[in-house]
Amino acid sequence: EPTQLPKGIDRFTLKTMRETIKSIGKPVGADEVAELA
């Protein structure tokens, strides 16, 4: 994990995105990730 995230990236949303991708378990597009997250 970077000590300083780039502009527009926050740790809470990043954690949510990671959990969402892991839960899907298959290749997925941005639209589906957006809906689930």
PDB file of all heavy atoms in Angstrom:
ATOM      1  N   GLU A   1       0.832  -1.200   0.000  1.00  0.00           N
ATOM      2  CA  GLU A   1       0.000   0.000   0.000  1.00  0.00           C
ATOM      3  C   GLU A   1       0.864   1.245   0.000  1.00  0.00           C
ATOM      4  O   GLU A   1       1.770   1.384   0.825  1.00  0.00           O
ATOM      5  CB  GLU A   1      -0.874  -0.008   1.262  1.00  0.00           C
ATOM      6  CG  GLU A   1      -1.859   1.132   1.324  1.00  0.00           C
ATOM      7  CD  GLU A   1      -3.016   0.927   0.392  1.00  0.00           C
ATOM      8  OE1 GLU A   1      -2.876   1.318  -0.785  1.00  0.00           O
ATOM      9  OE2 GLU A   1      -4.028   0.383   0.811  1.00  0.00           O
ATOM     10  N   PRO A   2       0.656   2.169  -0.920  1.00  0.00           N
ATOM     11  CA  PRO A   2       1.437   3.403  -0.911  1.00  0.00           C
ATOM     12  C   PRO A   2       1.174   4.201   0.357  1.00  0.00           C
ATOM     13  O   PRO A   2       0.073   4.178   0.898  1.00  0.00           O
ATOM     14  CB  PRO A   2       0.910   4.154  -2.146  1.00  0.00           C
ATOM     15  CG  PRO A   2       0.230   3.119  -2.980  1.00  0.00           C
ATOM     16  CD  PRO A   2      -0.289   2.108  -2.034  1.00  0.00           C
ATOM     17  N   THR A   3       2.204   4.893   0.845  1.00  0.00           N
ATOM     18  CA  THR A   3       2.009   5.725   2.024  1.00  0.00           C
ATOM     19  C   THR A   3       1.169   6.947   1.690  1.00  0.00           C
ATOM     20  O   THR A   3       0.478   7.479   2.535  1.00  0.00           O
ATOM     21  CB  THR A   3       3.379   6.175   2.575  1.00  0.00           C
ATOM     22  OG1 THR A   3       4.099   6.829   1.533  1.00  0.00           O
ATOM     23  CG2 THR A   3       4.190   4.976   3.045  1.00  0.00           C
ATOM     24  N   GLN A   4       1.242   7.404   0.449  1.00  0.00           N
ATOM     25  CA  GLN A   4       0.436   8.540   0.006  1.00  0.00           C
ATOM     26  C   GLN A   4      -0.247   8.182  -1.300  1.00  0.00           C
ATOM     27  O   GLN A   4       0.401   7.973  -2.318  1.00  0.00           O
ATOM     28  CB  GLN A   4       1.317   9.775  -0.171  1.00  0.00           C
ATOM     29  CG  GLN A   4       0.518  11.008  -0.569  1.00  0.00           C
ATOM     30  CD  GLN A   4       1.405  12.236  -0.669  1.00  0.00           C
ATOM     31  OE1 GLN A   4       2.598  12.177  -0.384  1.00  0.00           O
ATOM     32  NE2 GLN A   4       0.831  13.342  -1.084  1.00  0.00           N
ATOM     33  N   LEU A   5      -1.569   8.101  -1.260  1.00  0.00           N
ATOM     34  CA  LEU A   5      -2.325   7.720  -2.449  1.00  0.00           C
ATOM     35  C   LEU A   5      -2.427   8.899  -3.409  1.00  0.00           C
ATOM     36  O   LEU A   5      -2.398  10.054  -2.993  1.00  0.00           O
ATOM     37  CB  LEU A   5      -3.722   7.245  -2.042  1.00  0.00           C
ATOM     38  CG  LEU A   5      -3.763   5.946  -1.230  1.00  0.00           C
ATOM     39  CD1 LEU A   5      -5.163   5.712  -0.676  1.00  0.00           C
ATOM     40  CD2 LEU A   5      -3.331   4.755  -2.068  1.00  0.00           C
ATOM     41  N   PRO A   6      -2.568   8.620  -4.707  1.00  0.00           N
ATOM     42  CA  PRO A   6      -2.707   9.702  -5.688  1.00  0.00           C
ATOM     43  C   PRO A   6      -3.991  10.494  -5.465  1.00  0.00           C
ATOM     44  O   PRO A   6      -4.919  10.038  -4.789  1.00  0.00           O
ATOM     45  CB  PRO A   6      -2.755   8.953  -7.031  1.00  0.00           C
ATOM     46  CG  PRO A   6      -2.219   7.598  -6.756  1.00  0.00           C
ATOM     47  CD  PRO A   6      -2.551   7.298  -5.329  1.00  0.00           C
ATOM     48  N   LYS A   7      -4.046  11.665  -6.037  1.00  0.00           N
ATOM     49  CA  LYS A   7      -5.265  12.469  -5.977  1.00  0.00           C
ATOM     50  C   LYS A   7      -6.435  11.680  -6.563  1.00  0.00           C
ATOM     51  O   LYS A   7      -6.294  11.014  -7.584  1.00  0.00           O
ATOM     52  CB  LYS A   7      -5.095  13.760  -6.773  1.00  0.00           C
ATOM     53  CG  LYS A   7      -4.247  14.813  -6.094  1.00  0.00           C
ATOM     54  CD  LYS A   7      -4.227  16.090  -6.917  1.00  0.00           C
ATOM     55  CE  LYS A   7      -3.438  17.187  -6.244  1.00  0.00           C
ATOM     56  NZ  LYS A   7      -3.410  18.428  -7.047  1.00  0.00           N
ATOM     57  N   GLY A   8      -7.593  11.774  -5.907  1.00  0.00           N
ATOM     58  CA  GLY A   8      -8.775  11.090  -6.409  1.00  0.00           C
ATOM     59  C   GLY A   8      -8.911   9.668  -5.920  1.00  0.00           C
ATOM     60  O   GLY A   8      -9.873   8.976  -6.273  1.00  0.00           O
ATOM     61  N   ILE A   9      -7.972   9.186  -5.110  1.00  0.00           N
ATOM     62  CA  ILE A   9      -8.020   7.830  -4.559  1.00  0.00           C
ATOM     63  C   ILE A   9      -8.004   7.931  -3.043  1.00  0.00           C
ATOM     64  O   ILE A   9      -7.061   8.473  -2.459  1.00  0.00           O
ATOM     65  CB  ILE A   9      -6.820   6.974  -5.027  1.00  0.00           C
ATOM     66  CG1 ILE A   9      -6.737   6.915  -6.548  1.00  0.00           C
ATOM     67  CG2 ILE A   9      -6.883   5.569  -4.433  1.00  0.00           C
ATOM     68  CD1 ILE A   9      -7.848   6.146  -7.219  1.00  0.00           C
ATOM     69  N   ASP A  10      -9.049   7.428  -2.388  1.00  0.00           N
ATOM     70  CA  ASP A  10      -9.047   7.419  -0.926  1.00  0.00           C
ATOM     71  C   ASP A  10      -9.099   5.978  -0.424  1.00  0.00           C
ATOM     72  O   ASP A  10      -9.572   5.067  -1.118  1.00  0.00           O
ATOM     73  CB  ASP A  10     -10.206   8.238  -0.355  1.00  0.00           C
ATOM     74  CG  ASP A  10     -11.556   7.573  -0.551  1.00  0.00           C
ATOM     75  OD1 ASP A  10     -11.882   6.649   0.220  1.00  0.00           O
ATOM     76  OD2 ASP A  10     -12.295   7.976  -1.469  1.00  0.00           O
ATOM     77  N   ARG A  11      -8.605   5.754   0.773  1.00  0.00           N
ATOM     78  CA  ARG A  11      -8.429   4.396   1.292  1.00  0.00           C
ATOM     79  C   ARG A  11      -9.749   3.663   1.495  1.00  0.00           C
ATOM     80  O   ARG A  11      -9.849   2.453   1.247  1.00  0.00           O
ATOM     81  CB  ARG A  11      -7.634   4.429   2.605  1.00  0.00           C
ATOM     82  CG  ARG A  11      -6.228   4.946   2.420  1.00  0.00           C
ATOM     83  CD  ARG A  11      -5.404   4.850   3.702  1.00  0.00           C
ATOM     84  NE  ARG A  11      -4.140   5.544   3.508  1.00  0.00           N
ATOM     85  CZ  ARG A  11      -3.087   5.027   2.880  1.00  0.00           C
ATOM     86  NH1 ARG A  11      -3.181   3.809   2.400  1.00  0.00           N
ATOM     87  NH2 ARG A  11      -1.985   5.715   2.740  1.00  0.00           N
ATOM     88  N   PHE A  12     -10.776   4.367   1.927  1.00  0.00           N
ATOM     89  CA  PHE A  12     -12.048   3.709   2.200  1.00  0.00           C
ATOM     90  C   PHE A  12     -12.662   3.164   0.906  1.00  0.00           C
ATOM     91  O   PHE A  12     -13.073   1.997   0.839  1.00  0.00           O
ATOM     92  CB  PHE A  12     -13.019   4.689   2.870  1.00  0.00           C
ATOM     93  CG  PHE A  12     -14.391   4.093   3.104  1.00  0.00           C
ATOM     94  CD1 PHE A  12     -14.618   3.230   4.161  1.00  0.00           C
ATOM     95  CD2 PHE A  12     -15.441   4.391   2.241  1.00  0.00           C
ATOM     96  CE1 PHE A  12     -15.878   2.670   4.362  1.00  0.00           C
ATOM     97  CE2 PHE A  12     -16.690   3.837   2.438  1.00  0.00           C
ATOM     98  CZ  PHE A  12     -16.914   2.977   3.502  1.00  0.00           C
ATOM     99  N   THR A  13     -12.729   4.010  -0.115  1.00  0.00           N
ATOM    100  CA  THR A  13     -13.294   3.569  -1.390  1.00  0.00           C
ATOM    101  C   THR A  13     -12.418   2.498  -2.027  1.00  0.00           C
ATOM    102  O   THR A  13     -12.931   1.534  -2.622  1.00  0.00           O
ATOM    103  CB  THR A  13     -13.451   4.748  -2.359  1.00  0.00           C
ATOM    104  OG1 THR A  13     -14.192   5.791  -1.713  1.00  0.00           O
ATOM    105  CG2 THR A  13     -14.172   4.335  -3.634  1.00  0.00           C
ATOM    106  N   LEU A  14     -11.115   2.619  -1.894  1.00  0.00           N
ATOM    107  CA  LEU A  14     -10.202   1.613  -2.435  1.00  0.00           C
ATOM    108  C   LEU A  14     -10.452   0.264  -1.775  1.00  0.00           C
ATOM    109  O   LEU A  14     -10.474  -0.778  -2.450  1.00  0.00           O
ATOM    110  CB  LEU A  14      -8.754   2.058  -2.222  1.00  0.00           C
ATOM    111  CG  LEU A  14      -7.662   1.153  -2.779  1.00  0.00           C
ATOM    112  CD1 LEU A  14      -7.815   0.966  -4.279  1.00  0.00           C
ATOM    113  CD2 LEU A  14      -6.283   1.716  -2.442  1.00  0.00           C
ATOM    114  N   LYS A  15     -10.654   0.265  -0.464  1.00  0.00           N
ATOM    115  CA  LYS A  15     -10.944  -0.975   0.262  1.00  0.00           C
ATOM    116  C   LYS A  15     -12.249  -1.592  -0.243  1.00  0.00           C
ATOM    117  O   LYS A  15     -12.353  -2.815  -0.454  1.00  0.00           O
ATOM    118  CB  LYS A  15     -11.026  -0.692   1.763  1.00  0.00           C
ATOM    119  CG  LYS A  15     -11.310  -1.908   2.640  1.00  0.00           C
ATOM    120  CD  LYS A  15     -11.213  -1.514   4.106  1.00  0.00           C
ATOM    121  CE  LYS A  15     -11.426  -2.721   5.013  1.00  0.00           C
ATOM    122  NZ  LYS A  15     -12.820  -3.200   5.003  1.00  0.00           N
ATOM    123  N   THR A  16     -13.260  -0.746  -0.467  1.00  0.00           N
ATOM    124  CA  THR A  16     -14.544  -1.226  -0.980  1.00  0.00           C
ATOM    125  C   THR A  16     -14.384  -1.856  -2.357  1.00  0.00           C
ATOM    126  O   THR A  16     -14.953  -2.927  -2.643  1.00  0.00           O
ATOM    127  CB  THR A  16     -15.550  -0.059  -1.062  1.00  0.00           C
ATOM    128  OG1 THR A  16     -15.736   0.499   0.240  1.00  0.00           O
ATOM    129  CG2 THR A  16     -16.894  -0.541  -1.605  1.00  0.00           C
ATOM    130  N   MET A  17     -13.611  -1.211  -3.213  1.00  0.00           N
ATOM    131  CA  MET A  17     -13.390  -1.738  -4.562  1.00  0.00           C
ATOM    132  C   MET A  17     -12.670  -3.082  -4.522  1.00  0.00           C
ATOM    133  O   MET A  17     -13.002  -4.010  -5.260  1.00  0.00           O
ATOM    134  CB  MET A  17     -12.574  -0.733  -5.389  1.00  0.00           C
ATOM    135  CG  MET A  17     -13.330   0.513  -5.758  1.00  0.00           C
ATOM    136  SD  MET A  17     -14.725   0.148  -6.856  1.00  0.00           S
ATOM    137  CE  MET A  17     -15.439   1.779  -7.000  1.00  0.00           C
ATOM    138  N   ARG A  18     -11.680  -3.194  -3.653  1.00  0.00           N
ATOM    139  CA  ARG A  18     -10.950  -4.457  -3.526  1.00  0.00           C
ATOM    140  C   ARG A  18     -11.884  -5.580  -3.094  1.00  0.00           C
ATOM    141  O   ARG A  18     -11.866  -6.684  -3.645  1.00  0.00           O
ATOM    142  CB  ARG A  18      -9.812  -4.299  -2.519  1.00  0.00           C
ATOM    143  CG  ARG A  18      -8.619  -3.523  -3.049  1.00  0.00           C
ATOM    144  CD  ARG A  18      -7.633  -3.216  -1.946  1.00  0.00           C
ATOM    145  NE  ARG A  18      -6.402  -2.633  -2.469  1.00  0.00           N
ATOM    146  CZ  ARG A  18      -5.597  -1.841  -1.769  1.00  0.00           C
ATOM    147  NH1 ARG A  18      -5.917  -1.501  -0.531  1.00  0.00           N
ATOM    148  NH2 ARG A  18      -4.501  -1.363  -2.318  1.00  0.00           N
ATOM    149  N   GLU A  19     -12.694  -5.287  -2.092  1.00  0.00           N
ATOM    150  CA  GLU A  19     -13.618  -6.313  -1.591  1.00  0.00           C
ATOM    151  C   GLU A  19     -14.638  -6.702  -2.648  1.00  0.00           C
ATOM    152  O   GLU A  19     -15.005  -7.879  -2.774  1.00  0.00           O
ATOM    153  CB  GLU A  19     -14.315  -5.803  -0.324  1.00  0.00           C
ATOM    154  CG  GLU A  19     -13.368  -5.635   0.867  1.00  0.00           C
ATOM    155  CD  GLU A  19     -14.023  -4.951   2.048  1.00  0.00           C
ATOM    156  OE1 GLU A  19     -15.154  -4.410   1.865  1.00  0.00           O
ATOM    157  OE2 GLU A  19     -13.434  -4.942   3.147  1.00  0.00           O
ATOM    158  N   THR A  20     -15.093  -5.713  -3.427  1.00  0.00           N
ATOM    159  CA  THR A  20     -16.069  -5.988  -4.482  1.00  0.00           C
ATOM    160  C   THR A  20     -15.481  -6.897  -5.550  1.00  0.00           C
ATOM    161  O   THR A  20     -16.091  -7.896  -5.956  1.00  0.00           O
ATOM    162  CB  THR A  20     -16.539  -4.668  -5.130  1.00  0.00           C
ATOM    163  OG1 THR A  20     -17.134  -3.836  -4.129  1.00  0.00           O
ATOM    164  CG2 THR A  20     -17.555  -4.932  -6.233  1.00  0.00           C
ATOM    165  N   ILE A  21     -14.281  -6.576  -6.021  1.00  0.00           N
ATOM    166  CA  ILE A  21     -13.635  -7.389  -7.053  1.00  0.00           C
ATOM    167  C   ILE A  21     -13.401  -8.813  -6.548  1.00  0.00           C
ATOM    168  O   ILE A  21     -13.653  -9.798  -7.260  1.00  0.00           O
ATOM    169  CB  ILE A  21     -12.292  -6.753  -7.477  1.00  0.00           C
ATOM    170  CG1 ILE A  21     -12.539  -5.488  -8.295  1.00  0.00           C
ATOM    171  CG2 ILE A  21     -11.451  -7.728  -8.286  1.00  0.00           C
ATOM    172  CD1 ILE A  21     -13.067  -5.745  -9.686  1.00  0.00           C
ATOM    173  N   LYS A  22     -12.911  -8.942  -5.323  1.00  0.00           N
ATOM    174  CA  LYS A  22     -12.640 -10.274  -4.767  1.00  0.00           C
ATOM    175  C   LYS A  22     -13.913 -11.094  -4.641  1.00  0.00           C
ATOM    176  O   LYS A  22     -13.913 -12.310  -4.851  1.00  0.00           O
ATOM    177  CB  LYS A  22     -11.958 -10.136  -3.409  1.00  0.00           C
ATOM    178  CG  LYS A  22     -10.511  -9.674  -3.488  1.00  0.00           C
ATOM    179  CD  LYS A  22      -9.897  -9.568  -2.095  1.00  0.00           C
ATOM    180  CE  LYS A  22      -8.440  -9.152  -2.160  1.00  0.00           C
ATOM    181  NZ  LYS A  22      -7.821  -9.025  -0.818  1.00  0.00           N
ATOM    182  N   SER A  23     -15.015 -10.426  -4.295  1.00  0.00           N
ATOM    183  CA  SER A  23     -16.274 -11.149  -4.099  1.00  0.00           C
ATOM    184  C   SER A  23     -16.864 -11.663  -5.404  1.00  0.00           C
ATOM    185  O   SER A  23     -17.574 -12.669  -5.425  1.00  0.00           O
ATOM    186  CB  SER A  23     -17.289 -10.249  -3.395  1.00  0.00           C
ATOM    187  OG  SER A  23     -17.712  -9.186  -4.243  1.00  0.00           O
ATOM    188  N   ILE A  24     -16.566 -10.972  -6.507  1.00  0.00           N
ATOM    189  CA  ILE A  24     -17.124 -11.380  -7.805  1.00  0.00           C
ATOM    190  C   ILE A  24     -16.440 -12.645  -8.311  1.00  0.00           C
ATOM    191  O   ILE A  24     -17.091 -13.570  -8.802  1.00  0.00           O
ATOM    192  CB  ILE A  24     -16.989 -10.238  -8.827  1.00  0.00           C
ATOM    193  CG1 ILE A  24     -17.829  -9.041  -8.384  1.00  0.00           C
ATOM    194  CG2 ILE A  24     -17.422 -10.699 -10.217  1.00  0.00           C
ATOM    195  CD1 ILE A  24     -17.626  -7.795  -9.216  1.00  0.00           C
ATOM    196  N   GLY A  25     -15.124 -12.691  -8.206  1.00  0.00           N
ATOM    197  CA  GLY A  25     -14.399 -13.908  -8.530  1.00  0.00           C
ATOM    198  C   GLY A  25     -14.273 -14.240 -10.001  1.00  0.00           C
ATOM    199  O   GLY A  25     -13.935 -15.366 -10.367  1.00  0.00           O
ATOM    200  N   LYS A  26     -14.566 -13.288 -10.874  1.00  0.00           N
ATOM    201  CA  LYS A  26     -14.417 -13.515 -12.318  1.00  0.00           C
ATOM    202  C   LYS A  26     -14.162 -12.173 -12.988  1.00  0.00           C
ATOM    203  O   LYS A  26     -14.418 -11.117 -12.391  1.00  0.00           O
ATOM    204  CB  LYS A  26     -15.675 -14.154 -12.901  1.00  0.00           C
ATOM    205  CG  LYS A  26     -16.907 -13.264 -12.805  1.00  0.00           C
ATOM    206  CD  LYS A  26     -18.128 -13.917 -13.448  1.00  0.00           C
ATOM    207  CE  LYS A  26     -19.336 -12.965 -13.390  1.00  0.00           C
ATOM    208  NZ  LYS A  26     -20.537 -13.566 -14.031  1.00  0.00           N
ATOM    209  N   PRO A  27     -13.644 -12.168 -14.224  1.00  0.00           N
ATOM    210  CA  PRO A  27     -13.431 -10.895 -14.916  1.00  0.00           C
ATOM    211  C   PRO A  27     -14.723 -10.099 -15.019  1.00  0.00           C
ATOM    212  O   PRO A  27     -15.777 -10.644 -15.352  1.00  0.00           O
ATOM    213  CB  PRO A  27     -12.923 -11.329 -16.293  1.00  0.00           C
ATOM    214  CG  PRO A  27     -12.288 -12.654 -16.062  1.00  0.00           C
ATOM    215  CD  PRO A  27     -13.137 -13.314 -15.013  1.00  0.00           C
ATOM    216  N   VAL A  28     -14.648  -8.807 -14.736  1.00  0.00           N
ATOM    217  CA  VAL A  28     -15.848  -7.988 -14.661  1.00  0.00           C
ATOM    218  C   VAL A  28     -15.555  -6.596 -15.200  1.00  0.00           C
ATOM    219  O   VAL A  28     -14.424  -6.104 -15.116  1.00  0.00           O
ATOM    220  CB  VAL A  28     -16.347  -7.927 -13.194  1.00  0.00           C
ATOM    221  CG1 VAL A  28     -15.315  -7.241 -12.313  1.00  0.00           C
ATOM    222  CG2 VAL A  28     -17.693  -7.245 -13.078  1.00  0.00           C
ATOM    223  N   GLY A  29     -16.569  -5.953 -15.759  1.00  0.00           N
ATOM    224  CA  GLY A  29     -16.423  -4.606 -16.294  1.00  0.00           C
ATOM    225  C   GLY A  29     -16.684  -3.542 -15.246  1.00  0.00           C
ATOM    226  O   GLY A  29     -17.212  -3.809 -14.165  1.00  0.00           O
ATOM    227  N   ALA A  30     -16.351  -2.310 -15.591  1.00  0.00           N
ATOM    228  CA  ALA A  30     -16.500  -1.196 -14.650  1.00  0.00           C
ATOM    229  C   ALA A  30     -17.958  -0.933 -14.295  1.00  0.00           C
ATOM    230  O   ALA A  30     -18.266  -0.544 -13.167  1.00  0.00           O
ATOM    231  CB  ALA A  30     -15.861   0.063 -15.237  1.00  0.00           C
ATOM    232  N   ASP A  31     -18.881  -1.160 -15.236  1.00  0.00           N
ATOM    233  CA  ASP A  31     -20.299  -0.907 -14.961  1.00  0.00           C
ATOM    234  C   ASP A  31     -20.808  -1.800 -13.827  1.00  0.00           C
ATOM    235  O   ASP A  31     -21.508  -1.329 -12.919  1.00  0.00           O
ATOM    236  CB  ASP A  31     -21.138  -1.152 -16.222  1.00  0.00           C
ATOM    237  CG  ASP A  31     -20.996  -0.015 -17.224  1.00  0.00           C
ATOM    238  OD1 ASP A  31     -20.687   1.110 -16.796  1.00  0.00           O
ATOM    239  OD2 ASP A  31     -21.195  -0.258 -18.429  1.00  0.00           O
ATOM    240  N   GLU A  32     -20.460  -3.079 -13.885  1.00  0.00           N
ATOM    241  CA  GLU A  32     -20.925  -4.006 -12.847  1.00  0.00           C
ATOM    242  C   GLU A  32     -20.280  -3.691 -11.506  1.00  0.00           C
ATOM    243  O   GLU A  32     -20.942  -3.743 -10.456  1.00  0.00           O
ATOM    244  CB  GLU A  32     -20.620  -5.452 -13.246  1.00  0.00           C
ATOM    245  CG  GLU A  32     -21.202  -6.476 -12.271  1.00  0.00           C
ATOM    246  CD  GLU A  32     -21.021  -7.906 -12.746  1.00  0.00           C
ATOM    247  OE1 GLU A  32     -20.633  -8.109 -13.916  1.00  0.00           O
ATOM    248  OE2 GLU A  32     -21.259  -8.824 -11.937  1.00  0.00           O
ATOM    249  N   VAL A  33     -18.994  -3.350 -11.519  1.00  0.00           N
ATOM    250  CA  VAL A  33     -18.317  -2.984 -10.275  1.00  0.00           C
ATOM    251  C   VAL A  33     -18.959  -1.740  -9.674  1.00  0.00           C
ATOM    252  O   VAL A  33     -19.199  -1.667  -8.469  1.00  0.00           O
ATOM    253  CB  VAL A  33     -16.814  -2.752 -10.527  1.00  0.00           C
ATOM    254  CG1 VAL A  33     -16.140  -2.200  -9.270  1.00  0.00           C
ATOM    255  CG2 VAL A  33     -16.139  -4.042 -10.953  1.00  0.00           C
ATOM    256  N   ALA A  34     -19.269  -0.754 -10.518  1.00  0.00           N
ATOM    257  CA  ALA A  34     -19.894   0.479 -10.041  1.00  0.00           C
ATOM    258  C   ALA A  34     -21.240   0.193  -9.377  1.00  0.00           C
ATOM    259  O   ALA A  34     -21.555   0.740  -8.323  1.00  0.00           O
ATOM    260  CB  ALA A  34     -20.074   1.453 -11.206  1.00  0.00           C
ATOM    261  N   GLU A  35     -22.026  -0.681 -10.001  1.00  0.00           N
ATOM    262  CA  GLU A  35     -23.348  -1.013  -9.454  1.00  0.00           C
ATOM    263  C   GLU A  35     -23.232  -1.715  -8.111  1.00  0.00           C
ATOM    264  O   GLU A  35     -23.942  -1.384  -7.158  1.00  0.00           O
ATOM    265  CB  GLU A  35     -24.098  -1.897 -10.446  1.00  0.00           C
ATOM    266  CG  GLU A  35     -25.515  -2.234 -10.000  1.00  0.00           C
ATOM    267  CD  GLU A  35     -26.275  -3.046 -11.033  1.00  0.00           C
ATOM    268  OE1 GLU A  35     -25.735  -3.262 -12.138  1.00  0.00           O
ATOM    269  OE2 GLU A  35     -27.408  -3.465 -10.722  1.00  0.00           O
ATOM    270  N   LEU A  36     -22.311  -2.668  -8.011  1.00  0.00           N
ATOM    271  CA  LEU A  36     -22.156  -3.424  -6.771  1.00  0.00           C
ATOM    272  C   LEU A  36     -21.544  -2.592  -5.652  1.00  0.00           C
ATOM    273  O   LEU A  36     -21.888  -2.756  -4.484  1.00  0.00           O
ATOM    274  CB  LEU A  36     -21.299  -4.673  -7.018  1.00  0.00           C
ATOM    275  CG  LEU A  36     -21.932  -5.751  -7.900  1.00  0.00           C
ATOM    276  CD1 LEU A  36     -20.912  -6.829  -8.224  1.00  0.00           C
ATOM    277  CD2 LEU A  36     -23.146  -6.365  -7.218  1.00  0.00           C
ATOM    278  N   ALA A  37     -20.635  -1.684  -6.032  1.00  0.00           N
ATOM    279  CA  ALA A  37     -19.952  -0.876  -5.022  1.00  0.00           C
ATOM    280  C   ALA A  37     -20.715   0.400  -4.679  1.00  0.00           C
ATOM    281  O   ALA A  37     -20.364   1.097  -3.725  1.00  0.00           O
ATOM    282  CB  ALA A  37     -18.542  -0.516  -5.506  1.00  0.00           C
TER     283      ALA A  37
END
